[in-house]
Amino acid sequence: MQVAEPIPSLRVFERTQLGDARGFLERIYEAGDAATSLGFGHVAQVNRTVTMRKGVVRGMHFQRPPYSESKLVHCVRGAVFDVAVDLRVGSSTFLRWHGEILSAANRRCLWIPEGFAHGFQTIEDECEMLYVHSQAYQPDHEDGIHPCDPSIGITWPLNIIQMSDRDQRRSMIDEHFEGVRT
């Protein structure tokens, strides 16, 4: 079920649970629905991350063409502040970000189309994320923006207690940043 479209093409969904006394079933991805509503007919990779402490930031990552990727992002344990930044060349919302609380409790997930950077901050301990990708990871096309770039101005809900060395070394956006062609 689609909940919102805060930036054109960026969509927030809520997963539906079917349960009984044994527990529940929750559909994470269905090709027919995704292909029709999102243009996401091919799954190339599924990733899982576990982050043990609240306040950790992972991101802001994306892949450059020809390996640009779309992602369907789920939080299946704990809660995160999930963020997408529009990097699409010519977009009316270029460099605008949107943050959404994704949690096991609210069952929300975020559809992040090609041309967006993605990252999150854990807001609870022991968070587990599940990502469905349209492209496999290509190290030579991987890129990112600094999670604390003032030109983006993401308002992280907690003090950042940890980031990877790679994310800390990301450059800030300057006049030479051209965005991502999709």
N, C-alpha and C. Protein backbone atom coordinates (compact mmCIF):
# COMPACT_ATOMS: atom_id res chain seq x y z
N MET A 1 0.84 -1.18 0.00
CA MET A 1 0.00 0.00 0.00
C MET A 1 0.88 1.24 0.00
N GLN A 2 0.68 2.12 -1.00
CA GLN A 2 1.46 3.35 -1.07
C GLN A 2 0.94 4.35 -0.04
N VAL A 3 1.85 4.96 0.69
CA VAL A 3 1.48 5.94 1.71
C VAL A 3 1.65 7.36 1.19
N ALA A 4 2.81 7.66 0.57
CA ALA A 4 3.09 9.03 0.16
C ALA A 4 4.14 9.07 -0.94
N GLU A 5 4.24 10.22 -1.62
CA GLU A 5 5.30 10.50 -2.58
C GLU A 5 5.85 11.88 -2.23
N PRO A 6 6.78 11.96 -1.27
CA PRO A 6 7.27 13.24 -0.78
C PRO A 6 8.11 14.04 -1.77
N ILE A 7 8.82 13.37 -2.67
CA ILE A 7 9.57 13.97 -3.77
C ILE A 7 9.17 13.15 -4.99
N PRO A 8 8.95 13.78 -6.16
CA PRO A 8 8.54 13.00 -7.31
C PRO A 8 9.40 11.75 -7.53
N SER A 9 8.76 10.61 -7.65
CA SER A 9 9.34 9.28 -7.87
C SER A 9 9.80 8.59 -6.58
N LEU A 10 10.01 9.31 -5.50
CA LEU A 10 10.38 8.73 -4.20
C LEU A 10 9.08 8.36 -3.50
N ARG A 11 8.94 7.09 -3.09
CA ARG A 11 7.65 6.66 -2.54
C ARG A 11 7.82 5.94 -1.21
N VAL A 12 6.86 6.18 -0.34
CA VAL A 12 6.81 5.52 0.96
C VAL A 12 5.65 4.53 0.91
N PHE A 13 5.94 3.29 1.32
CA PHE A 13 4.94 2.23 1.34
C PHE A 13 4.82 1.67 2.75
N GLU A 14 3.73 0.99 2.99
CA GLU A 14 3.56 0.26 4.24
C GLU A 14 3.34 -1.21 3.90
N ARG A 15 4.17 -2.08 4.50
CA ARG A 15 4.02 -3.51 4.27
C ARG A 15 2.77 -4.01 4.99
N THR A 16 2.13 -5.00 4.42
CA THR A 16 0.95 -5.60 5.02
C THR A 16 1.31 -6.94 5.63
N GLN A 17 0.88 -7.14 6.86
CA GLN A 17 1.11 -8.42 7.54
C GLN A 17 -0.16 -9.25 7.54
N LEU A 18 -0.01 -10.53 7.28
CA LEU A 18 -1.09 -11.49 7.42
C LEU A 18 -0.68 -12.43 8.55
N GLY A 19 -1.44 -12.42 9.63
CA GLY A 19 -0.99 -13.18 10.78
C GLY A 19 -2.08 -14.03 11.41
N ASP A 20 -1.61 -14.96 12.23
CA ASP A 20 -2.48 -15.79 13.04
C ASP A 20 -1.71 -16.16 14.30
N ALA A 21 -2.15 -17.17 15.02
CA ALA A 21 -1.52 -17.56 16.28
C ALA A 21 -0.06 -18.00 16.12
N ARG A 22 0.33 -18.41 14.93
CA ARG A 22 1.71 -18.86 14.69
C ARG A 22 2.69 -17.72 14.51
N GLY A 23 2.18 -16.56 14.08
CA GLY A 23 3.03 -15.43 13.75
C GLY A 23 2.46 -14.70 12.55
N PHE A 24 3.30 -14.31 11.62
CA PHE A 24 2.79 -13.58 10.45
C PHE A 24 3.64 -13.84 9.22
N LEU A 25 3.07 -13.49 8.08
CA LEU A 25 3.75 -13.44 6.80
C LEU A 25 3.70 -11.98 6.35
N GLU A 26 4.81 -11.50 5.81
CA GLU A 26 4.87 -10.13 5.32
C GLU A 26 5.59 -10.13 3.99
N ARG A 27 4.90 -9.71 2.94
CA ARG A 27 5.51 -9.68 1.61
C ARG A 27 6.47 -8.51 1.54
N ILE A 28 7.73 -8.79 1.21
CA ILE A 28 8.77 -7.78 1.10
C ILE A 28 8.83 -7.21 -0.31
N TYR A 29 8.61 -8.05 -1.30
CA TYR A 29 8.70 -7.61 -2.69
C TYR A 29 7.86 -8.53 -3.55
N GLU A 30 7.13 -7.96 -4.51
CA GLU A 30 6.40 -8.74 -5.50
C GLU A 30 6.65 -8.13 -6.86
N ALA A 31 7.22 -8.90 -7.77
CA ALA A 31 7.62 -8.38 -9.08
C ALA A 31 6.47 -7.73 -9.83
N GLY A 32 5.30 -8.34 -9.82
CA GLY A 32 4.17 -7.78 -10.55
C GLY A 32 3.79 -6.40 -10.06
N ASP A 33 3.67 -6.22 -8.75
CA ASP A 33 3.33 -4.92 -8.19
C ASP A 33 4.42 -3.90 -8.45
N ALA A 34 5.66 -4.28 -8.20
CA ALA A 34 6.77 -3.35 -8.34
C ALA A 34 6.99 -2.97 -9.80
N ALA A 35 6.88 -3.94 -10.69
CA ALA A 35 7.09 -3.65 -12.11
C ALA A 35 6.02 -2.70 -12.63
N THR A 36 4.80 -2.88 -12.16
CA THR A 36 3.69 -2.04 -12.62
C THR A 36 3.77 -0.64 -12.03
N SER A 37 3.93 -0.54 -10.73
CA SER A 37 3.85 0.77 -10.08
C SER A 37 5.18 1.51 -10.01
N LEU A 38 6.30 0.79 -10.08
CA LEU A 38 7.59 1.43 -9.89
C LEU A 38 8.53 1.32 -11.09
N GLY A 39 8.23 0.44 -12.02
CA GLY A 39 9.16 0.21 -13.11
C GLY A 39 10.38 -0.58 -12.66
N PHE A 40 10.18 -1.45 -11.69
CA PHE A 40 11.27 -2.18 -11.03
C PHE A 40 11.02 -3.66 -11.21
N GLY A 41 11.19 -4.15 -12.42
CA GLY A 41 10.87 -5.53 -12.69
C GLY A 41 11.97 -6.52 -12.43
N HIS A 42 13.20 -6.06 -12.22
CA HIS A 42 14.34 -6.96 -12.11
C HIS A 42 15.01 -6.78 -10.74
N VAL A 43 15.18 -7.87 -10.02
CA VAL A 43 15.93 -7.85 -8.77
C VAL A 43 17.31 -8.42 -9.05
N ALA A 44 18.34 -7.60 -8.82
CA ALA A 44 19.71 -8.04 -9.08
C ALA A 44 20.43 -8.44 -7.81
N GLN A 45 19.99 -7.91 -6.68
CA GLN A 45 20.72 -8.15 -5.43
C GLN A 45 19.80 -7.84 -4.26
N VAL A 46 19.95 -8.60 -3.19
CA VAL A 46 19.25 -8.32 -1.94
C VAL A 46 20.31 -8.26 -0.85
N ASN A 47 20.32 -7.18 -0.09
CA ASN A 47 21.32 -6.98 0.97
C ASN A 47 20.64 -6.84 2.32
N ARG A 48 21.40 -7.16 3.35
CA ARG A 48 20.92 -7.04 4.73
C ARG A 48 22.04 -6.38 5.53
N THR A 49 21.68 -5.39 6.36
CA THR A 49 22.64 -4.81 7.29
C THR A 49 22.10 -4.94 8.70
N VAL A 50 23.01 -5.09 9.64
CA VAL A 50 22.67 -5.06 11.06
C VAL A 50 23.57 -4.01 11.69
N THR A 51 22.98 -3.10 12.43
CA THR A 51 23.71 -2.05 13.13
C THR A 51 23.30 -2.12 14.60
N MET A 52 24.28 -2.26 15.47
CA MET A 52 24.00 -2.59 16.86
C MET A 52 23.67 -1.39 17.76
N ARG A 53 24.13 -0.18 17.42
CA ARG A 53 23.95 0.95 18.33
C ARG A 53 23.16 2.07 17.69
N LYS A 54 22.32 2.73 18.46
CA LYS A 54 21.60 3.89 17.94
C LYS A 54 22.57 5.07 17.81
N GLY A 55 22.30 5.89 16.81
CA GLY A 55 23.14 7.05 16.53
C GLY A 55 24.13 6.84 15.41
N VAL A 56 24.24 5.62 14.88
CA VAL A 56 25.17 5.32 13.78
C VAL A 56 24.54 5.80 12.46
N VAL A 57 25.37 6.40 11.60
CA VAL A 57 24.92 6.81 10.27
C VAL A 57 25.64 5.95 9.24
N ARG A 58 24.85 5.44 8.28
CA ARG A 58 25.38 4.73 7.11
C ARG A 58 24.88 5.49 5.89
N GLY A 59 25.79 5.91 5.02
CA GLY A 59 25.36 6.61 3.80
C GLY A 59 26.10 7.92 3.66
N MET A 60 25.84 8.58 2.63
CA MET A 60 24.78 8.63 1.64
C MET A 60 25.32 8.06 0.32
N HIS A 61 24.85 6.91 -0.08
CA HIS A 61 25.43 6.14 -1.18
C HIS A 61 24.53 6.13 -2.42
N PHE A 62 25.18 5.97 -3.58
CA PHE A 62 24.49 5.76 -4.85
C PHE A 62 25.48 5.16 -5.84
N GLN A 63 24.96 4.68 -6.97
CA GLN A 63 25.81 4.19 -8.06
C GLN A 63 25.59 5.06 -9.29
N ARG A 64 26.68 5.32 -9.98
CA ARG A 64 26.62 6.13 -11.20
C ARG A 64 26.27 5.25 -12.41
N PRO A 65 25.67 5.88 -13.45
CA PRO A 65 25.37 5.15 -14.68
C PRO A 65 26.63 4.55 -15.27
N PRO A 66 26.52 3.45 -15.96
CA PRO A 66 25.28 2.79 -16.38
C PRO A 66 24.74 1.81 -15.34
N TYR A 67 25.24 1.88 -14.11
CA TYR A 67 24.79 0.96 -13.06
C TYR A 67 23.96 1.65 -11.99
N SER A 68 23.30 2.75 -12.35
CA SER A 68 22.40 3.40 -11.40
C SER A 68 21.39 2.38 -10.92
N GLU A 69 21.02 2.50 -9.67
CA GLU A 69 20.12 1.50 -9.10
C GLU A 69 18.92 2.13 -8.42
N SER A 70 17.85 1.38 -8.41
CA SER A 70 16.69 1.67 -7.58
C SER A 70 16.74 0.71 -6.41
N LYS A 71 16.19 1.14 -5.27
CA LYS A 71 16.20 0.30 -4.08
C LYS A 71 14.83 0.35 -3.41
N LEU A 72 14.44 -0.77 -2.87
CA LEU A 72 13.28 -0.84 -1.99
C LEU A 72 13.85 -1.20 -0.62
N VAL A 73 13.73 -0.28 0.34
CA VAL A 73 14.43 -0.37 1.62
C VAL A 73 13.43 -0.63 2.74
N HIS A 74 13.75 -1.64 3.57
CA HIS A 74 12.88 -2.04 4.69
C HIS A 74 13.69 -2.07 5.99
N CYS A 75 13.08 -1.67 7.07
CA CYS A 75 13.64 -1.89 8.40
C CYS A 75 12.84 -3.03 9.03
N VAL A 76 13.48 -4.15 9.28
CA VAL A 76 12.76 -5.33 9.78
C VAL A 76 13.00 -5.59 11.27
N ARG A 77 13.93 -4.81 11.86
CA ARG A 77 14.13 -4.87 13.32
C ARG A 77 14.63 -3.51 13.77
N GLY A 78 14.05 -2.98 14.84
CA GLY A 78 14.44 -1.68 15.35
C GLY A 78 13.78 -0.55 14.59
N ALA A 79 14.47 0.61 14.53
CA ALA A 79 13.93 1.79 13.85
C ALA A 79 15.09 2.65 13.36
N VAL A 80 14.89 3.24 12.18
CA VAL A 80 15.89 4.11 11.59
C VAL A 80 15.22 5.37 11.05
N PHE A 81 16.03 6.43 10.92
CA PHE A 81 15.65 7.62 10.18
C PHE A 81 16.29 7.45 8.81
N ASP A 82 15.49 7.10 7.81
CA ASP A 82 15.97 6.77 6.48
C ASP A 82 15.87 8.01 5.59
N VAL A 83 16.92 8.29 4.83
CA VAL A 83 17.01 9.54 4.06
C VAL A 83 17.36 9.25 2.61
N ALA A 84 16.70 9.97 1.70
CA ALA A 84 17.02 9.95 0.28
C ALA A 84 17.23 11.39 -0.17
N VAL A 85 18.26 11.60 -1.00
CA VAL A 85 18.58 12.93 -1.53
C VAL A 85 18.49 12.86 -3.04
N ASP A 86 17.74 13.79 -3.63
CA ASP A 86 17.57 13.84 -5.08
C ASP A 86 18.82 14.44 -5.73
N LEU A 87 19.53 13.62 -6.52
CA LEU A 87 20.73 14.07 -7.22
C LEU A 87 20.53 14.09 -8.74
N ARG A 88 19.29 13.97 -9.17
CA ARG A 88 19.00 13.87 -10.60
C ARG A 88 19.22 15.21 -11.31
N VAL A 89 20.04 15.18 -12.35
CA VAL A 89 20.30 16.37 -13.15
C VAL A 89 18.98 16.88 -13.72
N GLY A 90 18.72 18.17 -13.57
CA GLY A 90 17.52 18.78 -14.13
C GLY A 90 16.27 18.61 -13.30
N SER A 91 16.34 17.92 -12.19
CA SER A 91 15.16 17.72 -11.35
C SER A 91 14.77 19.01 -10.65
N SER A 92 13.48 19.27 -10.54
CA SER A 92 13.01 20.46 -9.83
C SER A 92 13.27 20.35 -8.32
N THR A 93 13.60 19.15 -7.85
CA THR A 93 13.90 18.95 -6.42
C THR A 93 15.37 18.55 -6.21
N PHE A 94 16.24 18.97 -7.14
CA PHE A 94 17.67 18.67 -7.07
C PHE A 94 18.24 19.12 -5.73
N LEU A 95 18.94 18.20 -5.04
CA LEU A 95 19.59 18.38 -3.73
C LEU A 95 18.60 18.48 -2.57
N ARG A 96 17.32 18.22 -2.82
CA ARG A 96 16.35 18.19 -1.73
C ARG A 96 16.37 16.79 -1.12
N TRP A 97 16.20 16.73 0.21
CA TRP A 97 16.20 15.44 0.89
C TRP A 97 14.85 15.20 1.55
N HIS A 98 14.60 13.93 1.77
CA HIS A 98 13.41 13.52 2.53
C HIS A 98 13.82 12.44 3.51
N GLY A 99 13.38 12.58 4.76
CA GLY A 99 13.64 11.58 5.79
C GLY A 99 12.34 10.96 6.26
N GLU A 100 12.42 9.69 6.57
CA GLU A 100 11.23 8.92 6.96
C GLU A 100 11.64 7.93 8.05
N ILE A 101 10.85 7.83 9.10
CA ILE A 101 11.08 6.80 10.11
C ILE A 101 10.60 5.47 9.52
N LEU A 102 11.52 4.53 9.41
CA LEU A 102 11.18 3.16 9.02
C LEU A 102 11.43 2.29 10.24
N SER A 103 10.49 1.42 10.55
CA SER A 103 10.67 0.56 11.71
C SER A 103 9.95 -0.76 11.51
N ALA A 104 10.32 -1.70 12.36
CA ALA A 104 9.61 -2.97 12.37
C ALA A 104 8.16 -2.74 12.77
N ALA A 105 7.94 -1.79 13.66
CA ALA A 105 6.58 -1.53 14.16
C ALA A 105 5.68 -0.87 13.13
N ASN A 106 6.18 0.15 12.41
CA ASN A 106 5.30 0.86 11.47
C ASN A 106 5.27 0.20 10.08
N ARG A 107 6.16 -0.75 9.82
CA ARG A 107 6.19 -1.54 8.58
C ARG A 107 6.31 -0.68 7.33
N ARG A 108 6.82 0.54 7.47
CA ARG A 108 7.02 1.37 6.29
C ARG A 108 8.29 0.98 5.57
N CYS A 109 8.28 1.17 4.25
CA CYS A 109 9.47 0.96 3.43
C CYS A 109 9.55 2.11 2.44
N LEU A 110 10.74 2.32 1.93
CA LEU A 110 10.98 3.45 1.04
C LEU A 110 11.47 2.94 -0.31
N TRP A 111 10.80 3.40 -1.37
CA TRP A 111 11.22 3.15 -2.74
C TRP A 111 12.11 4.31 -3.15
N ILE A 112 13.38 4.02 -3.47
CA ILE A 112 14.35 5.04 -3.84
C ILE A 112 14.76 4.80 -5.29
N PRO A 113 14.34 5.70 -6.19
CA PRO A 113 14.63 5.49 -7.61
C PRO A 113 16.07 5.84 -7.97
N GLU A 114 16.46 5.52 -9.18
CA GLU A 114 17.78 5.89 -9.69
C GLU A 114 17.97 7.39 -9.56
N GLY A 115 19.21 7.79 -9.27
CA GLY A 115 19.53 9.21 -9.18
C GLY A 115 19.38 9.80 -7.80
N PHE A 116 19.10 8.97 -6.80
CA PHE A 116 19.01 9.43 -5.42
C PHE A 116 20.14 8.81 -4.61
N ALA A 117 20.69 9.58 -3.67
CA ALA A 117 21.61 9.02 -2.68
C ALA A 117 20.75 8.53 -1.52
N HIS A 118 21.25 7.50 -0.82
CA HIS A 118 20.49 6.90 0.27
C HIS A 118 21.39 6.66 1.48
N GLY A 119 20.80 6.87 2.66
CA GLY A 119 21.48 6.55 3.91
C GLY A 119 20.49 6.54 5.05
N PHE A 120 20.98 6.20 6.23
CA PHE A 120 20.08 6.20 7.39
C PHE A 120 20.87 6.38 8.67
N GLN A 121 20.13 6.77 9.72
CA GLN A 121 20.67 6.79 11.08
C GLN A 121 19.81 5.89 11.94
N THR A 122 20.47 5.03 12.72
CA THR A 122 19.71 4.18 13.63
C THR A 122 19.20 5.04 14.78
N ILE A 123 17.94 4.85 15.13
CA ILE A 123 17.36 5.59 16.26
C ILE A 123 16.99 4.65 17.40
N GLU A 124 17.28 3.39 17.22
CA GLU A 124 17.19 2.38 18.28
C GLU A 124 18.41 1.49 18.16
N ASP A 125 18.74 0.79 19.23
CA ASP A 125 19.78 -0.22 19.17
C ASP A 125 19.28 -1.43 18.37
N GLU A 126 20.20 -2.18 17.83
CA GLU A 126 19.91 -3.43 17.12
C GLU A 126 18.91 -3.27 15.99
N CYS A 127 19.36 -2.60 14.94
CA CYS A 127 18.53 -2.38 13.75
C CYS A 127 18.98 -3.28 12.62
N GLU A 128 18.00 -3.81 11.93
CA GLU A 128 18.27 -4.68 10.78
C GLU A 128 17.52 -4.13 9.58
N MET A 129 18.27 -3.92 8.49
CA MET A 129 17.70 -3.38 7.26
C MET A 129 17.79 -4.43 6.16
N LEU A 130 16.80 -4.41 5.26
CA LEU A 130 16.76 -5.29 4.11
C LEU A 130 16.56 -4.42 2.87
N TYR A 131 17.42 -4.61 1.86
CA TYR A 131 17.38 -3.81 0.64
C TYR A 131 17.17 -4.73 -0.56
N VAL A 132 16.27 -4.36 -1.44
CA VAL A 132 16.08 -5.04 -2.71
C VAL A 132 16.59 -4.08 -3.79
N HIS A 133 17.60 -4.50 -4.57
CA HIS A 133 18.27 -3.63 -5.55
C HIS A 133 17.96 -4.05 -6.98
N SER A 134 17.87 -3.06 -7.86
CA SER A 134 17.66 -3.32 -9.28
C SER A 134 18.97 -3.61 -10.01
N GLN A 135 20.11 -3.26 -9.42
CA GLN A 135 21.43 -3.50 -10.01
C GLN A 135 22.33 -4.13 -8.95
N ALA A 136 23.24 -4.96 -9.39
CA ALA A 136 24.24 -5.50 -8.48
C ALA A 136 25.28 -4.42 -8.19
N TYR A 137 25.92 -4.52 -7.05
CA TYR A 137 26.95 -3.56 -6.65
C TYR A 137 28.10 -3.57 -7.63
N GLN A 138 28.50 -2.40 -8.07
CA GLN A 138 29.61 -2.21 -9.01
C GLN A 138 30.61 -1.25 -8.36
N PRO A 139 31.68 -1.76 -7.77
CA PRO A 139 32.61 -0.90 -7.02
C PRO A 139 33.15 0.28 -7.82
N ASP A 140 33.35 0.11 -9.12
CA ASP A 140 33.89 1.20 -9.94
C ASP A 140 32.87 2.31 -10.20
N HIS A 141 31.60 2.06 -9.91
CA HIS A 141 30.54 3.04 -10.14
C HIS A 141 29.89 3.52 -8.84
N GLU A 142 30.41 3.05 -7.73
CA GLU A 142 29.88 3.44 -6.42
C GLU A 142 30.34 4.86 -6.10
N ASP A 143 29.46 5.63 -5.49
CA ASP A 143 29.76 7.01 -5.13
C ASP A 143 28.94 7.39 -3.91
N GLY A 144 29.13 8.59 -3.44
CA GLY A 144 28.37 9.04 -2.29
C GLY A 144 28.59 10.52 -2.03
N ILE A 145 27.77 11.05 -1.17
CA ILE A 145 27.92 12.42 -0.69
C ILE A 145 28.08 12.36 0.82
N HIS A 146 28.69 13.38 1.39
CA HIS A 146 28.94 13.39 2.83
C HIS A 146 27.62 13.53 3.58
N PRO A 147 27.38 12.68 4.57
CA PRO A 147 26.11 12.74 5.31
C PRO A 147 25.86 14.05 6.06
N CYS A 148 26.92 14.81 6.30
CA CYS A 148 26.77 16.08 7.03
C CYS A 148 27.04 17.29 6.14
N ASP A 149 26.89 17.13 4.84
CA ASP A 149 27.14 18.21 3.90
C ASP A 149 26.16 19.36 4.18
N PRO A 150 26.67 20.55 4.49
CA PRO A 150 25.77 21.67 4.80
C PRO A 150 24.93 22.14 3.62
N SER A 151 25.39 21.87 2.38
CA SER A 151 24.57 22.26 1.23
C SER A 151 23.33 21.39 1.09
N ILE A 152 23.33 20.22 1.70
CA ILE A 152 22.15 19.36 1.74
C ILE A 152 21.36 19.66 3.01
N GLY A 153 22.05 19.72 4.14
CA GLY A 153 21.41 20.11 5.40
C GLY A 153 20.51 19.07 6.02
N ILE A 154 20.89 17.81 5.93
CA ILE A 154 20.08 16.77 6.57
C ILE A 154 20.07 17.00 8.07
N THR A 155 18.89 16.96 8.65
CA THR A 155 18.73 17.11 10.09
C THR A 155 18.64 15.72 10.71
N TRP A 156 19.78 15.20 11.13
CA TRP A 156 19.80 13.87 11.75
C TRP A 156 19.17 13.99 13.13
N PRO A 157 18.32 13.05 13.52
CA PRO A 157 17.59 13.18 14.80
C PRO A 157 18.44 13.02 16.05
N LEU A 158 19.57 12.31 15.95
CA LEU A 158 20.44 12.07 17.10
C LEU A 158 21.85 12.56 16.80
N ASN A 159 22.64 12.74 17.83
CA ASN A 159 24.06 12.98 17.62
C ASN A 159 24.63 11.76 16.91
N ILE A 160 25.49 12.00 15.93
CA ILE A 160 26.11 10.90 15.18
C ILE A 160 27.24 10.35 16.04
N ILE A 161 27.13 9.06 16.39
CA ILE A 161 28.18 8.44 17.22
C ILE A 161 29.21 7.69 16.41
N GLN A 162 28.85 7.34 15.15
CA GLN A 162 29.79 6.57 14.33
C GLN A 162 29.38 6.62 12.87
N MET A 163 30.40 6.68 12.00
CA MET A 163 30.26 6.56 10.55
C MET A 163 31.47 5.78 10.06
N SER A 164 31.35 5.17 8.91
CA SER A 164 32.52 4.47 8.34
C SER A 164 33.56 5.51 7.94
N ASP A 165 34.81 5.07 7.88
CA ASP A 165 35.88 5.95 7.40
C ASP A 165 35.58 6.46 6.00
N ARG A 166 35.07 5.58 5.16
CA ARG A 166 34.75 5.94 3.77
C ARG A 166 33.71 7.05 3.74
N ASP A 167 32.66 6.94 4.55
CA ASP A 167 31.62 7.98 4.56
C ASP A 167 32.15 9.29 5.13
N GLN A 168 33.03 9.22 6.13
CA GLN A 168 33.61 10.44 6.69
C GLN A 168 34.51 11.15 5.69
N ARG A 169 35.13 10.42 4.77
CA ARG A 169 36.02 11.01 3.76
C ARG A 169 35.28 11.55 2.54
N ARG A 170 34.00 11.33 2.44
CA ARG A 170 33.26 11.82 1.27
C ARG A 170 33.42 13.33 1.15
N SER A 171 33.52 13.80 -0.08
CA SER A 171 33.64 15.24 -0.34
C SER A 171 32.30 15.93 -0.12
N MET A 172 32.40 17.20 0.17
CA MET A 172 31.21 18.05 0.23
C MET A 172 30.85 18.47 -1.19
N ILE A 173 29.59 18.72 -1.42
CA ILE A 173 29.15 19.17 -2.74
C ILE A 173 29.67 20.59 -2.96
N ASP A 174 30.24 20.82 -4.16
CA ASP A 174 30.74 22.15 -4.50
C ASP A 174 30.22 22.52 -5.89
N GLU A 175 30.72 23.62 -6.43
CA GLU A 175 30.25 24.12 -7.72
C GLU A 175 30.55 23.16 -8.88
N HIS A 176 31.41 22.18 -8.66
CA HIS A 176 31.75 21.22 -9.70
C HIS A 176 30.83 19.99 -9.70
N PHE A 177 29.99 19.87 -8.67
CA PHE A 177 29.10 18.71 -8.59
C PHE A 177 28.01 18.83 -9.66
N GLU A 178 27.93 17.85 -10.54
CA GLU A 178 26.98 17.91 -11.65
C GLU A 178 25.70 17.12 -11.40
N GLY A 179 25.68 16.31 -10.36
CA GLY A 179 24.52 15.47 -10.13
C GLY A 179 24.65 14.15 -10.86
N VAL A 180 23.53 13.45 -10.99
CA VAL A 180 23.50 12.12 -11.61
C VAL A 180 22.52 12.14 -12.78
N ARG A 181 22.99 11.72 -13.93
CA ARG A 181 22.10 11.59 -15.10
C ARG A 181 21.42 10.23 -15.04
N THR A 182 20.12 10.25 -15.17
CA THR A 182 19.38 8.98 -15.11
C THR A 182 18.81 8.62 -16.46
